[in-house]
């Protein structure tokens, strides 16, 4: 490729990228380019870069003991945001699978068990995974009012020796 053809190809690429970014920024359902995660006290705020600041979505971050108290009292409904294969290897006893990928299909199968007023606790593989944050954000956007995140997730729960079980999701065993 000669120099002139290379310059033309780069110019076409840059122009196309610019048009794409402009279209994405003005399109009402444009894809956020960056997702900001800010922790304020015990609240995790997840805010897409293009979302107005007054419409942020927040979830309370729970520690191990607070999560276990909610489990013992039966006040919370636990949702495992990890992939189904990980859920089947082990999960919090009584938790339902609601993975980030395949969310819509799985949500449909358990939606009758949920109500907007329920206390939902979402967890995944620990502090380094985003799945629980993404699933909790989707639930809040769908109108659920009390969706918290157990940040320590499956590893912390299992290491504490709290109740666990293995196998396929309960919602599919019937």
N, C-alpha and C. Protein backbone atom coordinates (compact mmCIF):
# COMPACT_ATOMS: atom_id res chain seq x y z
N UNK A 1 0.86 -1.17 0.00
CA UNK A 1 0.00 0.00 0.00
C UNK A 1 0.91 1.23 0.00
N UNK A 2 0.63 2.13 -0.93
CA UNK A 2 1.45 3.34 -0.96
C UNK A 2 0.96 4.34 0.08
N UNK A 3 1.74 5.36 0.28
CA UNK A 3 1.47 6.35 1.33
C UNK A 3 0.12 7.04 1.13
N UNK A 4 -0.22 7.38 -0.10
CA UNK A 4 -1.47 8.08 -0.38
C UNK A 4 -2.68 7.20 -0.01
N UNK A 5 -2.65 5.93 -0.36
CA UNK A 5 -3.74 5.02 -0.03
C UNK A 5 -3.87 4.85 1.48
N UNK A 6 -2.74 4.79 2.17
CA UNK A 6 -2.75 4.66 3.63
C UNK A 6 -3.40 5.88 4.28
N UNK A 7 -3.02 7.07 3.83
CA UNK A 7 -3.58 8.31 4.38
C UNK A 7 -5.09 8.36 4.13
N UNK A 8 -5.51 7.96 2.95
CA UNK A 8 -6.94 7.95 2.63
C UNK A 8 -7.69 6.96 3.53
N UNK A 9 -7.11 5.78 3.73
CA UNK A 9 -7.75 4.77 4.59
C UNK A 9 -7.88 5.27 6.03
N UNK A 10 -6.83 5.90 6.55
CA UNK A 10 -6.87 6.44 7.92
C UNK A 10 -7.91 7.55 8.00
N UNK A 11 -7.97 8.42 7.00
CA UNK A 11 -8.94 9.51 7.00
C UNK A 11 -10.37 8.96 6.99
N UNK A 12 -10.62 7.94 6.18
CA UNK A 12 -11.96 7.33 6.14
C UNK A 12 -12.31 6.71 7.49
N UNK A 13 -11.35 6.03 8.10
CA UNK A 13 -11.58 5.42 9.42
C UNK A 13 -11.91 6.49 10.46
N UNK A 14 -11.10 7.55 10.52
CA UNK A 14 -11.33 8.61 11.51
C UNK A 14 -12.67 9.30 11.28
N UNK A 15 -13.01 9.57 10.03
CA UNK A 15 -14.29 10.20 9.72
C UNK A 15 -15.45 9.29 10.15
N UNK A 16 -15.34 8.00 9.86
CA UNK A 16 -16.39 7.05 10.25
C UNK A 16 -16.54 6.98 11.76
N UNK A 17 -15.42 6.94 12.47
CA UNK A 17 -15.47 6.90 13.93
C UNK A 17 -16.13 8.16 14.48
N UNK A 18 -15.78 9.30 13.93
CA UNK A 18 -16.36 10.57 14.37
C UNK A 18 -17.87 10.59 14.15
N UNK A 19 -18.31 10.16 12.98
CA UNK A 19 -19.75 10.10 12.69
C UNK A 19 -20.44 9.14 13.67
N UNK A 20 -19.82 8.00 13.95
CA UNK A 20 -20.39 7.04 14.90
C UNK A 20 -20.52 7.61 16.30
N UNK A 21 -19.48 8.29 16.79
CA UNK A 21 -19.53 8.89 18.12
C UNK A 21 -20.59 9.98 18.19
N UNK A 22 -20.68 10.80 17.16
CA UNK A 22 -21.69 11.87 17.15
C UNK A 22 -23.09 11.26 17.16
N UNK A 23 -23.33 10.27 16.32
CA UNK A 23 -24.64 9.62 16.27
C UNK A 23 -24.97 8.99 17.62
N UNK A 24 -24.03 8.30 18.22
CA UNK A 24 -24.25 7.65 19.52
C UNK A 24 -24.58 8.68 20.60
N UNK A 25 -23.95 9.84 20.55
CA UNK A 25 -24.18 10.84 21.59
C UNK A 25 -25.54 11.52 21.47
N UNK A 26 -26.11 11.60 20.26
CA UNK A 26 -27.42 12.25 20.12
C UNK A 26 -28.57 11.26 20.08
N UNK A 27 -28.30 9.99 19.83
CA UNK A 27 -29.34 8.96 19.79
C UNK A 27 -29.84 8.70 21.21
N UNK A 28 -31.16 8.75 21.46
CA UNK A 28 -31.68 8.59 22.82
C UNK A 28 -31.27 7.28 23.50
N UNK A 29 -31.08 6.23 22.74
CA UNK A 29 -30.67 4.96 23.32
C UNK A 29 -29.20 4.66 23.04
N UNK A 30 -28.40 5.72 22.95
CA UNK A 30 -26.98 5.54 22.70
C UNK A 30 -26.30 4.75 23.80
N UNK A 31 -25.22 4.11 23.46
CA UNK A 31 -24.48 3.27 24.40
C UNK A 31 -23.50 4.14 25.18
N UNK A 32 -23.55 4.11 26.53
CA UNK A 32 -22.58 4.88 27.31
C UNK A 32 -21.16 4.40 27.00
N UNK A 33 -20.26 5.33 26.82
CA UNK A 33 -18.89 4.96 26.48
C UNK A 33 -18.11 4.52 27.71
N UNK A 34 -18.46 5.08 28.86
CA UNK A 34 -17.76 4.75 30.11
C UNK A 34 -18.80 4.61 31.21
N UNK A 35 -18.60 3.62 32.08
CA UNK A 35 -19.48 3.47 33.24
C UNK A 35 -18.66 3.85 34.47
N UNK A 36 -19.16 4.81 35.22
CA UNK A 36 -18.47 5.26 36.42
C UNK A 36 -19.00 4.51 37.63
N UNK A 37 -18.08 4.03 38.48
CA UNK A 37 -18.47 3.40 39.74
C UNK A 37 -17.83 4.22 40.86
N UNK A 38 -18.66 4.72 41.72
CA UNK A 38 -18.18 5.53 42.83
C UNK A 38 -18.74 4.95 44.11
N UNK A 39 -17.89 4.77 45.10
CA UNK A 39 -18.35 4.25 46.39
C UNK A 39 -18.42 5.42 47.36
N UNK A 40 -19.62 5.66 47.89
CA UNK A 40 -19.85 6.72 48.86
C UNK A 40 -20.33 6.04 50.13
N UNK A 41 -19.47 5.95 51.13
CA UNK A 41 -19.81 5.23 52.34
C UNK A 41 -20.09 3.78 52.01
N UNK A 42 -21.29 3.32 52.34
CA UNK A 42 -21.65 1.94 52.02
C UNK A 42 -22.58 1.85 50.82
N UNK A 43 -22.59 2.91 50.01
CA UNK A 43 -23.43 2.92 48.82
C UNK A 43 -22.55 2.93 47.58
N UNK A 44 -22.86 2.06 46.65
CA UNK A 44 -22.15 1.99 45.38
C UNK A 44 -23.02 2.66 44.34
N UNK A 45 -22.52 3.71 43.72
CA UNK A 45 -23.26 4.44 42.71
C UNK A 45 -22.70 4.06 41.35
N UNK A 46 -23.56 3.56 40.48
CA UNK A 46 -23.16 3.17 39.13
C UNK A 46 -23.84 4.14 38.18
N UNK A 47 -23.04 4.88 37.44
CA UNK A 47 -23.62 5.91 36.60
C UNK A 47 -22.96 5.91 35.23
N UNK A 48 -23.71 5.61 34.17
CA UNK A 48 -23.15 5.72 32.83
C UNK A 48 -22.75 7.16 32.54
N UNK A 49 -21.72 7.33 31.74
CA UNK A 49 -21.19 8.66 31.46
C UNK A 49 -22.22 9.59 30.83
N UNK A 50 -23.14 9.07 30.03
CA UNK A 50 -24.09 9.93 29.34
C UNK A 50 -25.42 10.06 30.07
N UNK A 51 -25.56 9.47 31.22
CA UNK A 51 -26.82 9.53 31.95
C UNK A 51 -26.85 10.81 32.78
N UNK A 52 -27.96 11.54 32.80
CA UNK A 52 -28.05 12.74 33.63
C UNK A 52 -27.74 12.41 35.08
N UNK A 53 -27.03 13.30 35.76
CA UNK A 53 -26.57 13.02 37.12
C UNK A 53 -27.69 12.88 38.13
N UNK A 54 -28.88 13.40 37.85
CA UNK A 54 -29.96 13.29 38.81
C UNK A 54 -30.72 11.97 38.69
N UNK A 55 -30.31 11.10 37.77
CA UNK A 55 -31.01 9.83 37.61
C UNK A 55 -30.10 8.64 37.89
N UNK A 56 -29.11 8.83 38.76
CA UNK A 56 -28.18 7.73 39.03
C UNK A 56 -28.89 6.58 39.75
N UNK A 57 -28.27 5.44 39.68
CA UNK A 57 -28.80 4.24 40.29
C UNK A 57 -27.86 3.85 41.42
N UNK A 58 -28.40 3.60 42.60
CA UNK A 58 -27.55 3.29 43.74
C UNK A 58 -28.00 2.00 44.42
N UNK A 59 -27.02 1.26 44.89
CA UNK A 59 -27.27 0.06 45.67
C UNK A 59 -26.43 0.16 46.93
N UNK A 60 -26.95 -0.36 48.02
CA UNK A 60 -26.19 -0.40 49.26
C UNK A 60 -25.25 -1.60 49.20
N UNK A 61 -24.03 -1.40 49.63
CA UNK A 61 -23.05 -2.48 49.67
C UNK A 61 -23.09 -3.10 51.06
N UNK A 62 -23.30 -4.41 51.11
CA UNK A 62 -23.41 -5.11 52.38
C UNK A 62 -22.14 -5.90 52.67
N UNK A 63 -21.79 -5.95 53.95
CA UNK A 63 -20.69 -6.79 54.39
C UNK A 63 -21.20 -8.19 54.70
N UNK A 64 -20.28 -9.06 55.06
CA UNK A 64 -20.61 -10.46 55.31
C UNK A 64 -21.62 -10.62 56.45
N UNK A 65 -21.37 -9.98 57.58
CA UNK A 65 -22.26 -10.17 58.74
C UNK A 65 -23.66 -9.62 58.48
N UNK A 66 -23.73 -8.45 57.86
CA UNK A 66 -25.05 -7.87 57.55
C UNK A 66 -25.81 -8.76 56.55
N UNK A 67 -25.09 -9.31 55.60
CA UNK A 67 -25.70 -10.22 54.63
C UNK A 67 -26.20 -11.48 55.32
N UNK A 68 -25.39 -12.02 56.22
CA UNK A 68 -25.80 -13.25 56.92
C UNK A 68 -27.01 -13.00 57.81
N UNK A 69 -27.08 -11.83 58.47
CA UNK A 69 -28.25 -11.50 59.28
C UNK A 69 -29.51 -11.47 58.42
N UNK A 70 -29.41 -10.88 57.23
CA UNK A 70 -30.56 -10.83 56.31
C UNK A 70 -30.94 -12.24 55.87
N UNK A 71 -29.94 -13.10 55.69
CA UNK A 71 -30.19 -14.49 55.30
C UNK A 71 -30.89 -15.24 56.43
N UNK A 72 -30.36 -15.11 57.65
CA UNK A 72 -30.93 -15.82 58.80
C UNK A 72 -32.36 -15.40 59.09
N UNK A 73 -32.63 -14.11 58.94
CA UNK A 73 -33.97 -13.60 59.25
C UNK A 73 -34.98 -13.94 58.15
N UNK A 74 -34.48 -14.33 56.99
CA UNK A 74 -35.37 -14.65 55.87
C UNK A 74 -35.96 -13.43 55.20
N UNK A 75 -35.42 -12.25 55.52
CA UNK A 75 -35.98 -11.01 54.99
C UNK A 75 -35.56 -10.72 53.55
N UNK A 76 -34.54 -11.39 53.07
CA UNK A 76 -34.01 -11.07 51.74
C UNK A 76 -34.11 -12.25 50.79
N UNK A 77 -34.17 -11.93 49.52
CA UNK A 77 -34.20 -12.89 48.43
C UNK A 77 -32.84 -12.78 47.75
N UNK A 78 -32.08 -13.87 47.70
CA UNK A 78 -30.72 -13.84 47.18
C UNK A 78 -30.68 -14.20 45.70
N UNK A 79 -29.91 -13.41 44.95
CA UNK A 79 -29.75 -13.62 43.51
C UNK A 79 -28.26 -13.73 43.18
N UNK A 80 -27.89 -14.80 42.52
CA UNK A 80 -26.51 -15.06 42.13
C UNK A 80 -26.32 -14.58 40.69
N UNK A 81 -25.47 -13.58 40.50
CA UNK A 81 -25.27 -12.97 39.18
C UNK A 81 -24.18 -13.65 38.36
N UNK A 82 -23.57 -14.69 38.91
CA UNK A 82 -22.50 -15.39 38.18
C UNK A 82 -23.08 -16.22 37.04
N UNK A 83 -22.25 -16.65 36.11
CA UNK A 83 -22.75 -17.55 35.05
C UNK A 83 -23.35 -18.81 35.66
N UNK A 84 -24.30 -19.38 34.95
CA UNK A 84 -25.01 -20.56 35.46
C UNK A 84 -24.06 -21.70 35.83
N UNK A 85 -23.00 -21.89 35.05
CA UNK A 85 -22.06 -22.98 35.34
C UNK A 85 -21.41 -22.79 36.71
N UNK A 86 -21.12 -21.55 37.07
CA UNK A 86 -20.54 -21.26 38.39
C UNK A 86 -21.59 -21.46 39.49
N UNK A 87 -22.81 -21.02 39.22
CA UNK A 87 -23.91 -21.19 40.17
C UNK A 87 -24.10 -22.67 40.50
N UNK A 88 -24.07 -23.52 39.49
CA UNK A 88 -24.29 -24.95 39.69
C UNK A 88 -23.18 -25.61 40.50
N UNK A 89 -21.97 -25.05 40.45
CA UNK A 89 -20.85 -25.60 41.24
C UNK A 89 -21.03 -25.30 42.72
N UNK A 90 -21.78 -24.27 43.05
CA UNK A 90 -22.04 -23.91 44.43
C UNK A 90 -22.58 -22.50 44.54
N UNK A 91 -23.52 -22.30 45.46
CA UNK A 91 -24.13 -20.99 45.66
C UNK A 91 -24.70 -20.90 47.07
N UNK A 92 -25.08 -19.71 47.47
CA UNK A 92 -25.71 -19.50 48.76
C UNK A 92 -27.01 -20.30 48.78
N UNK A 93 -27.22 -21.03 49.85
CA UNK A 93 -28.40 -21.89 49.96
C UNK A 93 -29.67 -21.05 49.79
N UNK A 94 -30.51 -21.48 48.87
CA UNK A 94 -31.77 -20.78 48.61
C UNK A 94 -31.68 -19.68 47.57
N UNK A 95 -30.47 -19.36 47.11
CA UNK A 95 -30.31 -18.30 46.12
C UNK A 95 -30.80 -18.77 44.75
N UNK A 96 -31.26 -17.83 43.97
CA UNK A 96 -31.68 -18.11 42.60
C UNK A 96 -30.64 -17.56 41.64
N UNK A 97 -30.48 -18.22 40.52
CA UNK A 97 -29.55 -17.78 39.49
C UNK A 97 -30.19 -16.67 38.66
N UNK A 98 -29.50 -15.55 38.54
CA UNK A 98 -29.91 -14.46 37.65
C UNK A 98 -28.63 -13.87 37.05
N UNK A 99 -28.06 -14.56 36.06
CA UNK A 99 -26.77 -14.13 35.51
C UNK A 99 -26.89 -12.87 34.66
N UNK A 100 -25.79 -12.13 34.61
CA UNK A 100 -25.75 -10.94 33.77
C UNK A 100 -26.04 -11.30 32.32
N UNK A 101 -25.37 -12.35 31.83
CA UNK A 101 -25.59 -12.79 30.45
C UNK A 101 -26.74 -13.79 30.45
N UNK A 102 -27.78 -13.48 29.71
CA UNK A 102 -28.99 -14.29 29.73
C UNK A 102 -29.99 -13.75 30.74
N UNK A 103 -29.77 -12.54 31.20
CA UNK A 103 -30.61 -11.92 32.23
C UNK A 103 -32.10 -11.98 31.86
N UNK A 104 -32.43 -11.54 30.65
CA UNK A 104 -33.84 -11.43 30.26
C UNK A 104 -34.57 -12.77 30.32
N UNK A 105 -33.93 -13.82 29.79
CA UNK A 105 -34.57 -15.13 29.77
C UNK A 105 -34.76 -15.68 31.19
N UNK A 106 -33.71 -15.58 31.99
CA UNK A 106 -33.78 -16.12 33.35
C UNK A 106 -34.72 -15.28 34.21
N UNK A 107 -34.68 -13.96 34.05
CA UNK A 107 -35.57 -13.09 34.82
C UNK A 107 -37.03 -13.49 34.59
N UNK A 108 -37.37 -13.76 33.34
CA UNK A 108 -38.74 -14.14 33.02
C UNK A 108 -39.16 -15.38 33.81
N UNK A 109 -38.24 -16.32 34.01
CA UNK A 109 -38.59 -17.56 34.71
C UNK A 109 -38.76 -17.39 36.22
N UNK A 110 -38.19 -16.32 36.79
CA UNK A 110 -38.32 -16.12 38.24
C UNK A 110 -39.11 -14.86 38.60
N UNK A 111 -39.55 -14.10 37.61
CA UNK A 111 -40.19 -12.81 37.89
C UNK A 111 -41.44 -12.93 38.76
N UNK A 112 -42.15 -14.05 38.68
CA UNK A 112 -43.36 -14.21 39.50
C UNK A 112 -43.02 -14.34 40.99
N UNK A 113 -41.78 -14.69 41.29
CA UNK A 113 -41.36 -14.83 42.69
C UNK A 113 -40.95 -13.50 43.30
N UNK A 114 -40.76 -12.49 42.46
CA UNK A 114 -40.24 -11.20 42.92
C UNK A 114 -41.32 -10.13 42.92
N UNK A 115 -41.17 -9.18 43.84
CA UNK A 115 -42.04 -8.00 43.82
C UNK A 115 -41.16 -6.78 44.05
N UNK A 116 -41.59 -5.61 43.57
CA UNK A 116 -40.76 -4.41 43.69
C UNK A 116 -40.41 -4.02 45.12
N UNK A 117 -41.19 -4.48 46.10
CA UNK A 117 -40.94 -4.12 47.49
C UNK A 117 -39.98 -5.07 48.20
N UNK A 118 -39.67 -6.20 47.59
CA UNK A 118 -38.81 -7.20 48.24
C UNK A 118 -37.39 -6.67 48.43
N UNK A 119 -36.75 -7.18 49.47
CA UNK A 119 -35.33 -6.90 49.67
C UNK A 119 -34.54 -7.93 48.88
N UNK A 120 -33.85 -7.48 47.85
CA UNK A 120 -33.05 -8.36 47.01
C UNK A 120 -31.57 -8.14 47.30
N UNK A 121 -30.83 -9.22 47.45
CA UNK A 121 -29.38 -9.14 47.63
C UNK A 121 -28.74 -9.89 46.47
N UNK A 122 -27.91 -9.17 45.71
CA UNK A 122 -27.26 -9.72 44.54
C UNK A 122 -25.78 -9.91 44.86
N UNK A 123 -25.23 -11.04 44.45
CA UNK A 123 -23.80 -11.28 44.66
C UNK A 123 -23.20 -11.95 43.44
N UNK A 124 -21.88 -11.93 43.38
CA UNK A 124 -21.18 -12.64 42.31
C UNK A 124 -19.89 -13.24 42.86
N UNK A 125 -18.79 -13.11 42.15
CA UNK A 125 -17.55 -13.80 42.51
C UNK A 125 -16.66 -12.98 43.44
N UNK A 126 -17.14 -11.91 44.02
CA UNK A 126 -16.34 -11.13 44.94
C UNK A 126 -16.17 -9.69 44.47
N UNK A 127 -15.26 -9.00 45.13
CA UNK A 127 -15.07 -7.57 44.88
C UNK A 127 -14.60 -7.24 43.47
N UNK A 128 -13.94 -8.16 42.81
CA UNK A 128 -13.38 -7.87 41.50
C UNK A 128 -14.33 -8.11 40.34
N UNK A 129 -15.53 -8.60 40.61
CA UNK A 129 -16.45 -8.85 39.49
C UNK A 129 -17.52 -7.74 39.46
N UNK A 130 -17.98 -7.44 38.26
CA UNK A 130 -18.99 -6.40 38.06
C UNK A 130 -20.40 -6.96 37.89
N UNK A 131 -20.52 -8.27 37.82
CA UNK A 131 -21.82 -8.87 37.49
C UNK A 131 -22.92 -8.47 38.47
N UNK A 132 -22.61 -8.47 39.77
CA UNK A 132 -23.65 -8.11 40.75
C UNK A 132 -24.05 -6.65 40.61
N UNK A 133 -23.10 -5.80 40.26
CA UNK A 133 -23.42 -4.38 40.08
C UNK A 133 -24.30 -4.17 38.86
N UNK A 134 -24.00 -4.88 37.79
CA UNK A 134 -24.77 -4.74 36.55
C UNK A 134 -26.19 -5.29 36.75
N UNK A 135 -26.32 -6.46 37.37
CA UNK A 135 -27.64 -7.04 37.61
C UNK A 135 -28.45 -6.16 38.56
N UNK A 136 -27.81 -5.66 39.62
CA UNK A 136 -28.55 -4.80 40.56
C UNK A 136 -29.01 -3.52 39.88
N UNK A 137 -28.19 -2.97 39.01
CA UNK A 137 -28.58 -1.76 38.29
C UNK A 137 -29.79 -2.04 37.41
N UNK A 138 -29.79 -3.16 36.72
CA UNK A 138 -30.93 -3.51 35.86
C UNK A 138 -32.20 -3.66 36.68
N UNK A 139 -32.09 -4.31 37.84
CA UNK A 139 -33.27 -4.50 38.70
C UNK A 139 -33.80 -3.16 39.21
N UNK A 140 -32.91 -2.27 39.62
CA UNK A 140 -33.34 -0.95 40.07
C UNK A 140 -34.02 -0.18 38.94
N UNK A 141 -33.47 -0.27 37.75
CA UNK A 141 -34.07 0.40 36.60
C UNK A 141 -35.43 -0.19 36.24
N UNK A 142 -35.67 -1.45 36.61
CA UNK A 142 -36.96 -2.10 36.35
C UNK A 142 -37.99 -1.78 37.43
N UNK A 143 -37.60 -1.03 38.46
CA UNK A 143 -38.55 -0.60 39.47
C UNK A 143 -38.43 -1.28 40.82
N UNK A 144 -37.47 -2.17 40.98
CA UNK A 144 -37.26 -2.78 42.30
C UNK A 144 -36.64 -1.71 43.20
N UNK A 145 -37.17 -1.61 44.41
CA UNK A 145 -36.80 -0.50 45.27
C UNK A 145 -35.66 -0.78 46.23
N UNK A 146 -35.44 -2.03 46.57
CA UNK A 146 -34.43 -2.35 47.59
C UNK A 146 -33.53 -3.48 47.08
N UNK A 147 -32.53 -3.08 46.33
CA UNK A 147 -31.59 -4.03 45.75
C UNK A 147 -30.21 -3.71 46.30
N UNK A 148 -29.66 -4.63 47.07
CA UNK A 148 -28.34 -4.43 47.67
C UNK A 148 -27.34 -5.40 47.06
N UNK A 149 -26.07 -5.08 47.26
CA UNK A 149 -24.98 -5.90 46.71
C UNK A 149 -24.16 -6.46 47.86
N UNK A 150 -23.97 -7.77 47.87
CA UNK A 150 -23.04 -8.40 48.80
C UNK A 150 -21.70 -8.46 48.07
N UNK A 151 -20.84 -7.52 48.39
CA UNK A 151 -19.60 -7.34 47.64
C UNK A 151 -18.62 -8.49 47.81
N UNK A 152 -18.59 -9.11 48.99
CA UNK A 152 -17.68 -10.24 49.20
C UNK A 152 -18.04 -11.44 48.36
N UNK A 153 -19.31 -11.54 48.02
CA UNK A 153 -19.79 -12.56 47.11
C UNK A 153 -19.60 -14.00 47.57
N UNK A 154 -19.66 -14.89 46.60
CA UNK A 154 -19.59 -16.32 46.85
C UNK A 154 -18.33 -16.72 47.62
N UNK A 155 -17.12 -16.25 47.26
CA UNK A 155 -15.93 -16.71 47.99
C UNK A 155 -15.98 -16.39 49.48
N UNK A 156 -16.40 -15.18 49.82
CA UNK A 156 -16.44 -14.79 51.23
C UNK A 156 -17.48 -15.60 51.99
N UNK A 157 -18.65 -15.81 51.39
CA UNK A 157 -19.72 -16.59 52.02
C UNK A 157 -19.26 -18.02 52.27
N UNK A 158 -18.68 -18.63 51.26
CA UNK A 158 -18.23 -20.02 51.35
C UNK A 158 -17.11 -20.17 52.39
N UNK A 159 -16.15 -19.25 52.38
CA UNK A 159 -15.04 -19.30 53.33
C UNK A 159 -15.50 -19.12 54.77
N UNK A 160 -16.63 -18.43 54.97
CA UNK A 160 -17.17 -18.23 56.31
C UNK A 160 -17.89 -19.48 56.82
N UNK A 161 -18.12 -20.43 55.94
CA UNK A 161 -18.80 -21.67 56.34
C UNK A 161 -20.31 -21.53 56.45
N UNK A 162 -20.87 -20.52 55.82
CA UNK A 162 -22.31 -20.33 55.86
C UNK A 162 -23.00 -21.30 54.90
N UNK A 163 -24.33 -21.48 55.03
CA UNK A 163 -25.05 -22.49 54.24
C UNK A 163 -24.88 -22.32 52.72
N UNK A 164 -24.53 -23.42 52.08
CA UNK A 164 -24.36 -23.44 50.63
C UNK A 164 -25.05 -24.67 50.05
N UNK A 165 -25.23 -24.66 48.76
CA UNK A 165 -25.75 -25.83 48.07
C UNK A 165 -25.21 -25.83 46.64
N UNK A 166 -25.34 -26.97 45.99
CA UNK A 166 -24.88 -27.13 44.61
C UNK A 166 -26.04 -27.58 43.75
N UNK A 167 -25.87 -27.47 42.45
CA UNK A 167 -26.86 -27.99 41.54
C UNK A 167 -27.51 -26.93 40.69
N UNK A 168 -28.42 -27.36 39.81
CA UNK A 168 -29.09 -26.43 38.90
C UNK A 168 -30.02 -25.48 39.66
N UNK A 169 -30.39 -24.39 39.01
CA UNK A 169 -31.30 -23.43 39.64
C UNK A 169 -32.60 -24.08 40.07
N UNK A 170 -33.09 -23.71 41.24
CA UNK A 170 -34.36 -24.25 41.76
C UNK A 170 -35.50 -24.01 40.80
N UNK A 171 -35.48 -22.86 40.13
CA UNK A 171 -36.60 -22.51 39.26
C UNK A 171 -36.74 -23.47 38.10
N UNK A 172 -35.71 -24.32 37.82
CA UNK A 172 -35.80 -25.25 36.70
C UNK A 172 -35.96 -26.70 37.15
N UNK A 173 -35.99 -26.95 38.44
CA UNK A 173 -36.08 -28.32 38.94
C UNK A 173 -37.50 -28.87 38.91
N UNK A 174 -38.49 -28.01 38.80
CA UNK A 174 -39.89 -28.45 38.87
C UNK A 174 -40.29 -29.33 37.71
